[in-house]
């Protein structure tokens, strides 16, 4: 997941540099007043999103599989703990009931 995030940030940083250069060279229009930085960030975000969607498809799928596996392991561990607690509770009730009837 960290690898995917770093790759996505790298694509955004590359788009930021390209857009920054395009805005200051006059290829893209400048923002109004003091909003130029916001304009450059917004254009970079808009350009980097579809690029990341296409370029990082395989990495996103790998990250998704790792997340699903981790969630499945956590669910299995929770179920195992719940089963152990139920067993311990049943044993305690059985022993408590046998002691009380003696």
PDB file of N, CA and C in Angstrom:
ATOM      1  N   UNK A   1       0.818  -1.186   0.000  1.00  0.00           N
ATOM      2  CA  UNK A   1       0.000   0.000   0.000  1.00  0.00           C
ATOM      3  C   UNK A   1       0.868   1.259   0.000  1.00  0.00           C
ATOM      4  N   UNK A   2       1.970   1.211   0.745  1.00  0.00           N
ATOM      5  CA  UNK A   2       2.880   2.350   0.786  1.00  0.00           C
ATOM      6  C   UNK A   2       3.495   2.589  -0.593  1.00  0.00           C
ATOM      7  N   UNK A   3       3.823   1.501  -1.280  1.00  0.00           N
ATOM      8  CA  UNK A   3       4.405   1.626  -2.618  1.00  0.00           C
ATOM      9  C   UNK A   3       3.429   2.316  -3.564  1.00  0.00           C
ATOM     10  N   UNK A   4       2.171   1.911  -3.531  1.00  0.00           N
ATOM     11  CA  UNK A   4       1.155   2.526  -4.385  1.00  0.00           C
ATOM     12  C   UNK A   4       1.014   4.013  -4.064  1.00  0.00           C
ATOM     13  N   UNK A   5       0.983   4.334  -2.790  1.00  0.00           N
ATOM     14  CA  UNK A   5       0.840   5.731  -2.370  1.00  0.00           C
ATOM     15  C   UNK A   5       2.024   6.567  -2.837  1.00  0.00           C
ATOM     16  N   UNK A   6       3.227   6.030  -2.694  1.00  0.00           N
ATOM     17  CA  UNK A   6       4.418   6.759  -3.138  1.00  0.00           C
ATOM     18  C   UNK A   6       4.434   6.929  -4.657  1.00  0.00           C
ATOM     19  N   UNK A   7       4.002   5.916  -5.373  1.00  0.00           N
ATOM     20  CA  UNK A   7       3.940   6.027  -6.825  1.00  0.00           C
ATOM     21  C   UNK A   7       2.903   7.074  -7.239  1.00  0.00           C
ATOM     22  N   UNK A   8       1.790   7.092  -6.544  1.00  0.00           N
ATOM     23  CA  UNK A   8       0.745   8.075  -6.842  1.00  0.00           C
ATOM     24  C   UNK A   8       1.240   9.488  -6.556  1.00  0.00           C
ATOM     25  N   UNK A   9       1.933   9.662  -5.436  1.00  0.00           N
ATOM     26  CA  UNK A   9       2.510  10.967  -5.121  1.00  0.00           C
ATOM     27  C   UNK A   9       3.569  11.377  -6.148  1.00  0.00           C
ATOM     28  N   UNK A  10       4.323  10.419  -6.642  1.00  0.00           N
ATOM     29  CA  UNK A  10       5.315  10.704  -7.668  1.00  0.00           C
ATOM     30  C   UNK A  10       4.682  11.196  -8.962  1.00  0.00           C
ATOM     31  N   UNK A  11       3.594  10.562  -9.354  1.00  0.00           N
ATOM     32  CA  UNK A  11       2.876  11.010 -10.548  1.00  0.00           C
ATOM     33  C   UNK A  11       2.322  12.412 -10.337  1.00  0.00           C
ATOM     34  N   UNK A  12       1.771  12.663  -9.149  1.00  0.00           N
ATOM     35  CA  UNK A  12       1.249  13.999  -8.853  1.00  0.00           C
ATOM     36  C   UNK A  12       2.368  15.035  -8.884  1.00  0.00           C
ATOM     37  N   UNK A  13       3.519  14.701  -8.297  1.00  0.00           N
ATOM     38  CA  UNK A  13       4.653  15.647  -8.286  1.00  0.00           C
ATOM     39  C   UNK A  13       5.134  15.939  -9.707  1.00  0.00           C
ATOM     40  N   UNK A  14       5.182  14.903 -10.543  1.00  0.00           N
ATOM     41  CA  UNK A  14       5.565  15.110 -11.939  1.00  0.00           C
ATOM     42  C   UNK A  14       4.586  16.016 -12.664  1.00  0.00           C
ATOM     43  N   UNK A  15       3.293  15.781 -12.446  1.00  0.00           N
ATOM     44  CA  UNK A  15       2.269  16.642 -13.056  1.00  0.00           C
ATOM     45  C   UNK A  15       2.372  18.063 -12.518  1.00  0.00           C
ATOM     46  N   UNK A  16       2.676  18.202 -11.232  1.00  0.00           N
ATOM     47  CA  UNK A  16       2.809  19.526 -10.639  1.00  0.00           C
ATOM     48  C   UNK A  16       3.933  20.318 -11.309  1.00  0.00           C
ATOM     49  N   UNK A  17       5.069  19.669 -11.541  1.00  0.00           N
ATOM     50  CA  UNK A  17       6.195  20.338 -12.183  1.00  0.00           C
ATOM     51  C   UNK A  17       5.830  20.735 -13.618  1.00  0.00           C
ATOM     52  N   UNK A  18       5.186  19.824 -14.334  1.00  0.00           N
ATOM     53  CA  UNK A  18       4.807  20.105 -15.718  1.00  0.00           C
ATOM     54  C   UNK A  18       3.793  21.237 -15.789  1.00  0.00           C
ATOM     55  N   UNK A  19       2.769  21.184 -14.943  1.00  0.00           N
ATOM     56  CA  UNK A  19       1.741  22.231 -14.953  1.00  0.00           C
ATOM     57  C   UNK A  19       2.339  23.565 -14.523  1.00  0.00           C
ATOM     58  N   UNK A  20       3.188  23.530 -13.498  1.00  0.00           N
ATOM     59  CA  UNK A  20       3.831  24.769 -13.035  1.00  0.00           C
ATOM     60  C   UNK A  20       4.590  25.429 -14.189  1.00  0.00           C
ATOM     61  N   UNK A  21       5.361  24.624 -14.922  1.00  0.00           N
ATOM     62  CA  UNK A  21       6.101  25.146 -16.062  1.00  0.00           C
ATOM     63  C   UNK A  21       5.186  25.642 -17.169  1.00  0.00           C
ATOM     64  N   UNK A  22       4.092  24.912 -17.412  1.00  0.00           N
ATOM     65  CA  UNK A  22       3.156  25.313 -18.469  1.00  0.00           C
ATOM     66  C   UNK A  22       2.424  26.611 -18.113  1.00  0.00           C
ATOM     67  N   UNK A  23       2.096  26.786 -16.847  1.00  0.00           N
ATOM     68  CA  UNK A  23       1.411  28.016 -16.429  1.00  0.00           C
ATOM     69  C   UNK A  23       2.350  29.207 -16.529  1.00  0.00           C
ATOM     70  N   UNK A  24       3.562  29.043 -16.056  1.00  0.00           N
ATOM     71  CA  UNK A  24       4.501  30.173 -16.069  1.00  0.00           C
ATOM     72  C   UNK A  24       5.074  30.473 -17.455  1.00  0.00           C
ATOM     73  N   UNK A  25       4.988  29.502 -18.369  1.00  0.00           N
ATOM     74  CA  UNK A  25       5.420  29.789 -19.740  1.00  0.00           C
ATOM     75  C   UNK A  25       4.280  30.299 -20.598  1.00  0.00           C
ATOM     76  N   UNK A  26       3.054  30.287 -20.065  1.00  0.00           N
ATOM     77  CA  UNK A  26       1.908  30.833 -20.780  1.00  0.00           C
ATOM     78  C   UNK A  26       1.124  29.819 -21.577  1.00  0.00           C
ATOM     79  N   UNK A  27       1.481  28.544 -21.509  1.00  0.00           N
ATOM     80  CA  UNK A  27       0.729  27.509 -22.230  1.00  0.00           C
ATOM     81  C   UNK A  27      -0.646  27.335 -21.596  1.00  0.00           C
ATOM     82  N   UNK A  28      -0.694  27.263 -20.270  1.00  0.00           N
ATOM     83  CA  UNK A  28      -1.963  27.232 -19.528  1.00  0.00           C
ATOM     84  C   UNK A  28      -2.197  28.616 -18.953  1.00  0.00           C
ATOM     85  N   UNK A  29      -3.453  29.024 -18.816  1.00  0.00           N
ATOM     86  CA  UNK A  29      -3.723  30.359 -18.268  1.00  0.00           C
ATOM     87  C   UNK A  29      -3.377  30.430 -16.777  1.00  0.00           C
ATOM     88  N   UNK A  30      -3.044  31.630 -16.316  1.00  0.00           N
ATOM     89  CA  UNK A  30      -2.768  31.850 -14.896  1.00  0.00           C
ATOM     90  C   UNK A  30      -4.069  31.960 -14.129  1.00  0.00           C
ATOM     91  N   UNK A  31      -3.998  31.720 -12.815  1.00  0.00           N
ATOM     92  CA  UNK A  31      -5.164  31.886 -11.958  1.00  0.00           C
ATOM     93  C   UNK A  31      -5.451  33.355 -11.732  1.00  0.00           C
ATOM     94  N   UNK A  32      -6.591  33.649 -11.152  1.00  0.00           N
ATOM     95  CA  UNK A  32      -6.977  35.032 -10.859  1.00  0.00           C
ATOM     96  C   UNK A  32      -6.311  35.522  -9.589  1.00  0.00           C
ATOM     97  N   UNK A  33      -5.680  36.646  -9.630  1.00  0.00           N
ATOM     98  CA  UNK A  33      -5.085  37.263  -8.445  1.00  0.00           C
ATOM     99  C   UNK A  33      -4.071  36.368  -7.767  1.00  0.00           C
ATOM    100  N   UNK A  34      -4.297  36.110  -6.475  1.00  0.00           N
ATOM    101  CA  UNK A  34      -3.375  35.293  -5.684  1.00  0.00           C
ATOM    102  C   UNK A  34      -3.708  33.800  -5.732  1.00  0.00           C
ATOM    103  N   UNK A  35      -4.628  33.400  -6.578  1.00  0.00           N
ATOM    104  CA  UNK A  35      -5.058  32.002  -6.619  1.00  0.00           C
ATOM    105  C   UNK A  35      -4.211  31.147  -7.550  1.00  0.00           C
ATOM    106  N   UNK A  36      -3.082  31.640  -8.011  1.00  0.00           N
ATOM    107  CA  UNK A  36      -2.276  30.907  -8.976  1.00  0.00           C
ATOM    108  C   UNK A  36      -1.789  29.565  -8.422  1.00  0.00           C
ATOM    109  N   UNK A  37      -1.351  29.528  -7.166  1.00  0.00           N
ATOM    110  CA  UNK A  37      -0.887  28.267  -6.570  1.00  0.00           C
ATOM    111  C   UNK A  37      -2.027  27.254  -6.513  1.00  0.00           C
ATOM    112  N   UNK A  38      -3.191  27.702  -6.083  1.00  0.00           N
ATOM    113  CA  UNK A  38      -4.353  26.813  -6.034  1.00  0.00           C
ATOM    114  C   UNK A  38      -4.698  26.305  -7.427  1.00  0.00           C
ATOM    115  N   UNK A  39      -4.613  27.168  -8.426  1.00  0.00           N
ATOM    116  CA  UNK A  39      -4.895  26.795  -9.812  1.00  0.00           C
ATOM    117  C   UNK A  39      -3.916  25.712 -10.288  1.00  0.00           C
ATOM    118  N   UNK A  40      -2.656  25.885  -9.991  1.00  0.00           N
ATOM    119  CA  UNK A  40      -1.639  24.908 -10.401  1.00  0.00           C
ATOM    120  C   UNK A  40      -1.882  23.570  -9.696  1.00  0.00           C
ATOM    121  N   UNK A  41      -2.188  23.604  -8.400  1.00  0.00           N
ATOM    122  CA  UNK A  41      -2.470  22.364  -7.660  1.00  0.00           C
ATOM    123  C   UNK A  41      -3.698  21.658  -8.211  1.00  0.00           C
ATOM    124  N   UNK A  42      -4.735  22.414  -8.513  1.00  0.00           N
ATOM    125  CA  UNK A  42      -5.969  21.829  -9.043  1.00  0.00           C
ATOM    126  C   UNK A  42      -5.732  21.193 -10.411  1.00  0.00           C
ATOM    127  N   UNK A  43      -5.044  21.891 -11.297  1.00  0.00           N
ATOM    128  CA  UNK A  43      -4.740  21.319 -12.614  1.00  0.00           C
ATOM    129  C   UNK A  43      -3.877  20.064 -12.480  1.00  0.00           C
ATOM    130  N   UNK A  44      -2.919  20.093 -11.572  1.00  0.00           N
ATOM    131  CA  UNK A  44      -2.057  18.921 -11.356  1.00  0.00           C
ATOM    132  C   UNK A  44      -2.864  17.735 -10.862  1.00  0.00           C
ATOM    133  N   UNK A  45      -3.767  17.980  -9.960  1.00  0.00           N
ATOM    134  CA  UNK A  45      -4.621  16.913  -9.432  1.00  0.00           C
ATOM    135  C   UNK A  45      -5.516  16.339 -10.523  1.00  0.00           C
ATOM    136  N   UNK A  46      -6.088  17.216 -11.331  1.00  0.00           N
ATOM    137  CA  UNK A  46      -6.974  16.766 -12.408  1.00  0.00           C
ATOM    138  C   UNK A  46      -6.203  15.946 -13.443  1.00  0.00           C
ATOM    139  N   UNK A  47      -4.975  16.333 -13.741  1.00  0.00           N
ATOM    140  CA  UNK A  47      -4.170  15.580 -14.705  1.00  0.00           C
ATOM    141  C   UNK A  47      -3.622  14.278 -14.131  1.00  0.00           C
ATOM    142  N   UNK A  48      -3.231  14.289 -12.866  1.00  0.00           N
ATOM    143  CA  UNK A  48      -2.605  13.099 -12.291  1.00  0.00           C
ATOM    144  C   UNK A  48      -3.605  11.985 -11.986  1.00  0.00           C
ATOM    145  N   UNK A  49      -4.859  12.316 -11.726  1.00  0.00           N
ATOM    146  CA  UNK A  49      -5.839  11.284 -11.372  1.00  0.00           C
ATOM    147  C   UNK A  49      -6.049  10.257 -12.491  1.00  0.00           C
ATOM    148  N   UNK A  50      -6.370  10.670 -13.717  1.00  0.00           N
ATOM    149  CA  UNK A  50      -6.547   9.641 -14.757  1.00  0.00           C
ATOM    150  C   UNK A  50      -5.247   8.937 -15.130  1.00  0.00           C
ATOM    151  N   UNK A  51      -4.125   9.652 -15.040  1.00  0.00           N
ATOM    152  CA  UNK A  51      -2.841   9.007 -15.331  1.00  0.00           C
ATOM    153  C   UNK A  51      -2.581   7.902 -14.306  1.00  0.00           C
ATOM    154  N   UNK A  52      -2.810   8.200 -13.035  1.00  0.00           N
ATOM    155  CA  UNK A  52      -2.634   7.196 -11.980  1.00  0.00           C
ATOM    156  C   UNK A  52      -3.592   6.037 -12.160  1.00  0.00           C
ATOM    157  N   UNK A  53      -4.809   6.337 -12.557  1.00  0.00           N
ATOM    158  CA  UNK A  53      -5.832   5.295 -12.733  1.00  0.00           C
ATOM    159  C   UNK A  53      -5.380   4.284 -13.780  1.00  0.00           C
ATOM    160  N   UNK A  54      -4.782   4.750 -14.866  1.00  0.00           N
ATOM    161  CA  UNK A  54      -4.362   3.862 -15.947  1.00  0.00           C
ATOM    162  C   UNK A  54      -3.006   3.225 -15.653  1.00  0.00           C
ATOM    163  N   UNK A  55      -2.037   4.032 -15.264  1.00  0.00           N
ATOM    164  CA  UNK A  55      -0.665   3.555 -15.109  1.00  0.00           C
ATOM    165  C   UNK A  55      -0.507   2.630 -13.904  1.00  0.00           C
ATOM    166  N   UNK A  56      -1.218   2.914 -12.828  1.00  0.00           N
ATOM    167  CA  UNK A  56      -1.035   2.150 -11.585  1.00  0.00           C
ATOM    168  C   UNK A  56      -2.078   1.056 -11.377  1.00  0.00           C
ATOM    169  N   UNK A  57      -2.738   0.644 -12.435  1.00  0.00           N
ATOM    170  CA  UNK A  57      -3.794  -0.368 -12.309  1.00  0.00           C
ATOM    171  C   UNK A  57      -3.277  -1.652 -11.669  1.00  0.00           C
ATOM    172  N   UNK A  58      -2.159  -2.181 -12.143  1.00  0.00           N
ATOM    173  CA  UNK A  58      -1.625  -3.443 -11.600  1.00  0.00           C
ATOM    174  C   UNK A  58      -1.212  -3.280 -10.138  1.00  0.00           C
ATOM    175  N   UNK A  59      -0.581  -2.166  -9.823  1.00  0.00           N
ATOM    176  CA  UNK A  59      -0.159  -1.931  -8.438  1.00  0.00           C
ATOM    177  C   UNK A  59      -1.369  -1.776  -7.519  1.00  0.00           C
ATOM    178  N   UNK A  60      -2.417  -1.122  -8.009  1.00  0.00           N
ATOM    179  CA  UNK A  60      -3.636  -0.951  -7.220  1.00  0.00           C
ATOM    180  C   UNK A  60      -4.292  -2.307  -6.966  1.00  0.00           C
ATOM    181  N   UNK A  61      -4.290  -3.189  -7.986  1.00  0.00           N
ATOM    182  CA  UNK A  61      -4.845  -4.527  -7.813  1.00  0.00           C
ATOM    183  C   UNK A  61      -4.045  -5.341  -6.793  1.00  0.00           C
ATOM    184  N   UNK A  62      -2.713  -5.214  -6.847  1.00  0.00           N
ATOM    185  CA  UNK A  62      -1.872  -5.918  -5.864  1.00  0.00           C
ATOM    186  C   UNK A  62      -2.149  -5.417  -4.450  1.00  0.00           C
ATOM    187  N   UNK A  63      -2.262  -4.113  -4.302  1.00  0.00           N
ATOM    188  CA  UNK A  63      -2.549  -3.543  -2.982  1.00  0.00           C
ATOM    189  C   UNK A  63      -3.917  -4.010  -2.498  1.00  0.00           C
ATOM    190  N   UNK A  64      -4.870  -4.076  -3.388  1.00  0.00           N
ATOM    191  CA  UNK A  64      -6.213  -4.523  -3.021  1.00  0.00           C
ATOM    192  C   UNK A  64      -6.208  -5.970  -2.541  1.00  0.00           C
ATOM    193  N   UNK A  65      -5.458  -6.816  -3.222  1.00  0.00           N
ATOM    194  CA  UNK A  65      -5.363  -8.229  -2.817  1.00  0.00           C
ATOM    195  C   UNK A  65      -4.732  -8.336  -1.430  1.00  0.00           C
ATOM    196  N   UNK A  66      -3.677  -7.546  -1.187  1.00  0.00           N
ATOM    197  CA  UNK A  66      -3.034  -7.580   0.143  1.00  0.00           C
ATOM    198  C   UNK A  66      -4.003  -7.123   1.225  1.00  0.00           C
ATOM    199  N   UNK A  67      -4.781  -6.106   0.950  1.00  0.00           N
ATOM    200  CA  UNK A  67      -5.741  -5.613   1.939  1.00  0.00           C
ATOM    201  C   UNK A  67      -6.810  -6.652   2.205  1.00  0.00           C
ATOM    202  N   UNK A  68      -7.329  -7.276   1.156  1.00  0.00           N
ATOM    203  CA  UNK A  68      -8.360  -8.307   1.330  1.00  0.00           C
ATOM    204  C   UNK A  68      -7.814  -9.475   2.135  1.00  0.00           C
ATOM    205  N   UNK A  69      -6.588  -9.900   1.850  1.00  0.00           N
ATOM    206  CA  UNK A  69      -5.978 -11.003   2.610  1.00  0.00           C
ATOM    207  C   UNK A  69      -5.816 -10.634   4.083  1.00  0.00           C
ATOM    208  N   UNK A  70      -5.395  -9.407   4.344  1.00  0.00           N
ATOM    209  CA  UNK A  70      -5.215  -8.971   5.725  1.00  0.00           C
ATOM    210  C   UNK A  70      -6.551  -8.933   6.464  1.00  0.00           C
ATOM    211  N   UNK A  71      -7.587  -8.436   5.812  1.00  0.00           N
ATOM    212  CA  UNK A  71      -8.917  -8.396   6.432  1.00  0.00           C
ATOM    213  C   UNK A  71      -9.423  -9.812   6.691  1.00  0.00           C
ATOM    214  N   UNK A  72      -9.205 -10.717   5.741  1.00  0.00           N
ATOM    215  CA  UNK A  72      -9.633 -12.109   5.940  1.00  0.00           C
ATOM    216  C   UNK A  72      -8.907 -12.756   7.111  1.00  0.00           C
ATOM    217  N   UNK A  73      -7.596 -12.485   7.253  1.00  0.00           N
ATOM    218  CA  UNK A  73      -6.854 -13.025   8.404  1.00  0.00           C
ATOM    219  C   UNK A  73      -7.388 -12.461   9.709  1.00  0.00           C
ATOM    220  N   UNK A  74      -7.697 -11.163   9.719  1.00  0.00           N
ATOM    221  CA  UNK A  74      -8.226 -10.556  10.937  1.00  0.00           C
ATOM    222  C   UNK A  74      -9.586 -11.151  11.293  1.00  0.00           C
ATOM    223  N   UNK A  75     -10.425 -11.385  10.301  1.00  0.00           N
ATOM    224  CA  UNK A  75     -11.729 -12.009  10.557  1.00  0.00           C
ATOM    225  C   UNK A  75     -11.559 -13.418  11.107  1.00  0.00           C
ATOM    226  N   UNK A  76     -10.609 -14.166  10.540  1.00  0.00           N
ATOM    227  CA  UNK A  76     -10.364 -15.530  11.016  1.00  0.00           C
ATOM    228  C   UNK A  76      -9.852 -15.507  12.454  1.00  0.00           C
ATOM    229  N   UNK A  77      -8.978 -14.569  12.774  1.00  0.00           N
ATOM    230  CA  UNK A  77      -8.470 -14.460  14.146  1.00  0.00           C
ATOM    231  C   UNK A  77      -9.584 -14.086  15.111  1.00  0.00           C
ATOM    232  N   UNK A  78     -10.446 -13.159  14.705  1.00  0.00           N
ATOM    233  CA  UNK A  78     -11.568 -12.788  15.571  1.00  0.00           C
ATOM    234  C   UNK A  78     -12.501 -13.967  15.803  1.00  0.00           C
ATOM    235  N   UNK A  79     -12.760 -14.740  14.753  1.00  0.00           N
ATOM    236  CA  UNK A  79     -13.633 -15.910  14.890  1.00  0.00           C
ATOM    237  C   UNK A  79     -12.989 -16.958  15.788  1.00  0.00           C
ATOM    238  N   UNK A  80     -11.671 -17.152  15.659  1.00  0.00           N
ATOM    239  CA  UNK A  80     -10.968 -18.108  16.525  1.00  0.00           C
ATOM    240  C   UNK A  80     -11.039 -17.653  17.979  1.00  0.00           C
ATOM    241  N   UNK A  81     -10.856 -16.362  18.230  1.00  0.00           N
ATOM    242  CA  UNK A  81     -10.954 -15.843  19.598  1.00  0.00           C
ATOM    243  C   UNK A  81     -12.363 -16.012  20.142  1.00  0.00           C
ATOM    244  N   UNK A  82     -13.352 -15.742  19.309  1.00  0.00           N
ATOM    245  CA  UNK A  82     -14.739 -15.887  19.746  1.00  0.00           C
ATOM    246  C   UNK A  82     -15.051 -17.335  20.086  1.00  0.00           C
ATOM    247  N   UNK A  83     -14.544 -18.273  19.283  1.00  0.00           N
ATOM    248  CA  UNK A  83     -14.756 -19.695  19.535  1.00  0.00           C
ATOM    249  C   UNK A  83     -14.089 -20.109  20.838  1.00  0.00           C
ATOM    250  N   UNK A  84     -12.874 -19.623  21.090  1.00  0.00           N
ATOM    251  CA  UNK A  84     -12.175 -19.935  22.337  1.00  0.00           C
ATOM    252  C   UNK A  84     -12.939 -19.379  23.540  1.00  0.00           C
ATOM    253  N   UNK A  85     -13.463 -18.164  23.409  1.00  0.00           N
ATOM    254  CA  UNK A  85     -14.227 -17.575  24.507  1.00  0.00           C
ATOM    255  C   UNK A  85     -15.505 -18.361  24.766  1.00  0.00           C
ATOM    256  N   UNK A  86     -16.182 -18.781  23.687  1.00  0.00           N
ATOM    257  CA  UNK A  86     -17.405 -19.567  23.858  1.00  0.00           C
ATOM    258  C   UNK A  86     -17.098 -20.899  24.532  1.00  0.00           C
ATOM    259  N   UNK A  87     -16.004 -21.544  24.135  1.00  0.00           N
ATOM    260  CA  UNK A  87     -15.612 -22.816  24.733  1.00  0.00           C
ATOM    261  C   UNK A  87     -15.282 -22.631  26.206  1.00  0.00           C
ATOM    262  N   UNK A  88     -14.520 -21.592  26.523  1.00  0.00           N
ATOM    263  CA  UNK A  88     -14.158 -21.330  27.918  1.00  0.00           C
ATOM    264  C   UNK A  88     -15.403 -21.035  28.745  1.00  0.00           C
ATOM    265  N   UNK A  89     -16.344 -20.315  28.169  1.00  0.00           N
ATOM    266  CA  UNK A  89     -17.591 -20.006  28.870  1.00  0.00           C
ATOM    267  C   UNK A  89     -18.402 -21.276  29.112  1.00  0.00           C
ATOM    268  N   UNK A  90     -18.476 -22.153  28.099  1.00  0.00           N
ATOM    269  CA  UNK A  90     -19.205 -23.410  28.251  1.00  0.00           C
ATOM    270  C   UNK A  90     -18.569 -24.293  29.322  1.00  0.00           C
ATOM    271  N   UNK A  91     -17.236 -24.341  29.337  1.00  0.00           N
ATOM    272  CA  UNK A  91     -16.531 -25.142  30.345  1.00  0.00           C
ATOM    273  C   UNK A  91     -16.800 -24.576  31.731  1.00  0.00           C
ATOM    274  N   UNK A  92     -16.745 -23.267  31.863  1.00  0.00           N
ATOM    275  CA  UNK A  92     -16.975 -22.641  33.165  1.00  0.00           C
ATOM    276  C   UNK A  92     -18.403 -22.899  33.645  1.00  0.00           C
ATOM    277  N   UNK A  93     -19.363 -22.831  32.744  1.00  0.00           N
ATOM    278  CA  UNK A  93     -20.750 -23.096  33.143  1.00  0.00           C
ATOM    279  C   UNK A  93     -20.951 -24.552  33.542  1.00  0.00           C
ATOM    280  N   UNK A  94     -20.296 -25.443  32.801  1.00  0.00           N
ATOM    281  CA  UNK A  94     -20.411 -26.868  33.106  1.00  0.00           C
ATOM    282  C   UNK A  94     -19.779 -27.167  34.453  1.00  0.00           C
ATOM    283  N   UNK A  95     -18.628 -26.654  34.728  1.00  0.00           N
ATOM    284  CA  UNK A  95     -17.963 -26.883  36.001  1.00  0.00           C
ATOM    285  C   UNK A  95     -18.700 -26.190  37.129  1.00  0.00           C
ATOM    286  N   UNK A  96     -19.209 -25.026  36.866  1.00  0.00           N
ATOM    287  CA  UNK A  96     -19.949 -24.300  37.891  1.00  0.00           C
ATOM    288  C   UNK A  96     -21.262 -25.010  38.235  1.00  0.00           C
ATOM    289  N   UNK A  97     -21.925 -25.563  37.223  1.00  0.00           N
ATOM    290  CA  UNK A  97     -23.176 -26.286  37.449  1.00  0.00           C
ATOM    291  C   UNK A  97     -22.945 -27.590  38.174  1.00  0.00           C
ATOM    292  N   UNK A  98     -21.816 -28.292  37.876  1.00  0.00           N
ATOM    293  CA  UNK A  98     -21.515 -29.548  38.535  1.00  0.00           C
ATOM    294  C   UNK A  98     -21.148 -29.312  39.991  1.00  0.00           C
ATOM    295  N   UNK A  99     -20.464 -28.225  40.291  1.00  0.00           N
ATOM    296  CA  UNK A  99     -20.085 -27.899  41.650  1.00  0.00           C
ATOM    297  C   UNK A  99     -21.297 -27.498  42.462  1.00  0.00           C
ATOM    298  N   UNK A 100     -22.205 -26.776  41.871  1.00  0.00           N
ATOM    299  CA  UNK A 100     -23.389 -26.308  42.576  1.00  0.00           C
ATOM    300  C   UNK A 100     -24.334 -27.435  42.907  1.00  0.00           C
ATOM    301  N   UNK A 101     -24.402 -28.503  42.060  1.00  0.00           N
ATOM    302  CA  UNK A 101     -25.322 -29.610  42.327  1.00  0.00           C
ATOM    303  C   UNK A 101     -24.732 -30.632  43.288  1.00  0.00           C
ATOM    304  N   UNK A 102     -23.430 -30.584  43.587  1.00  0.00           N
ATOM    305  CA  UNK A 102     -22.812 -31.561  44.488  1.00  0.00           C
ATOM    306  C   UNK A 102     -23.191 -31.357  45.887  1.00  0.00           C
TER     307      UNK A 102
END
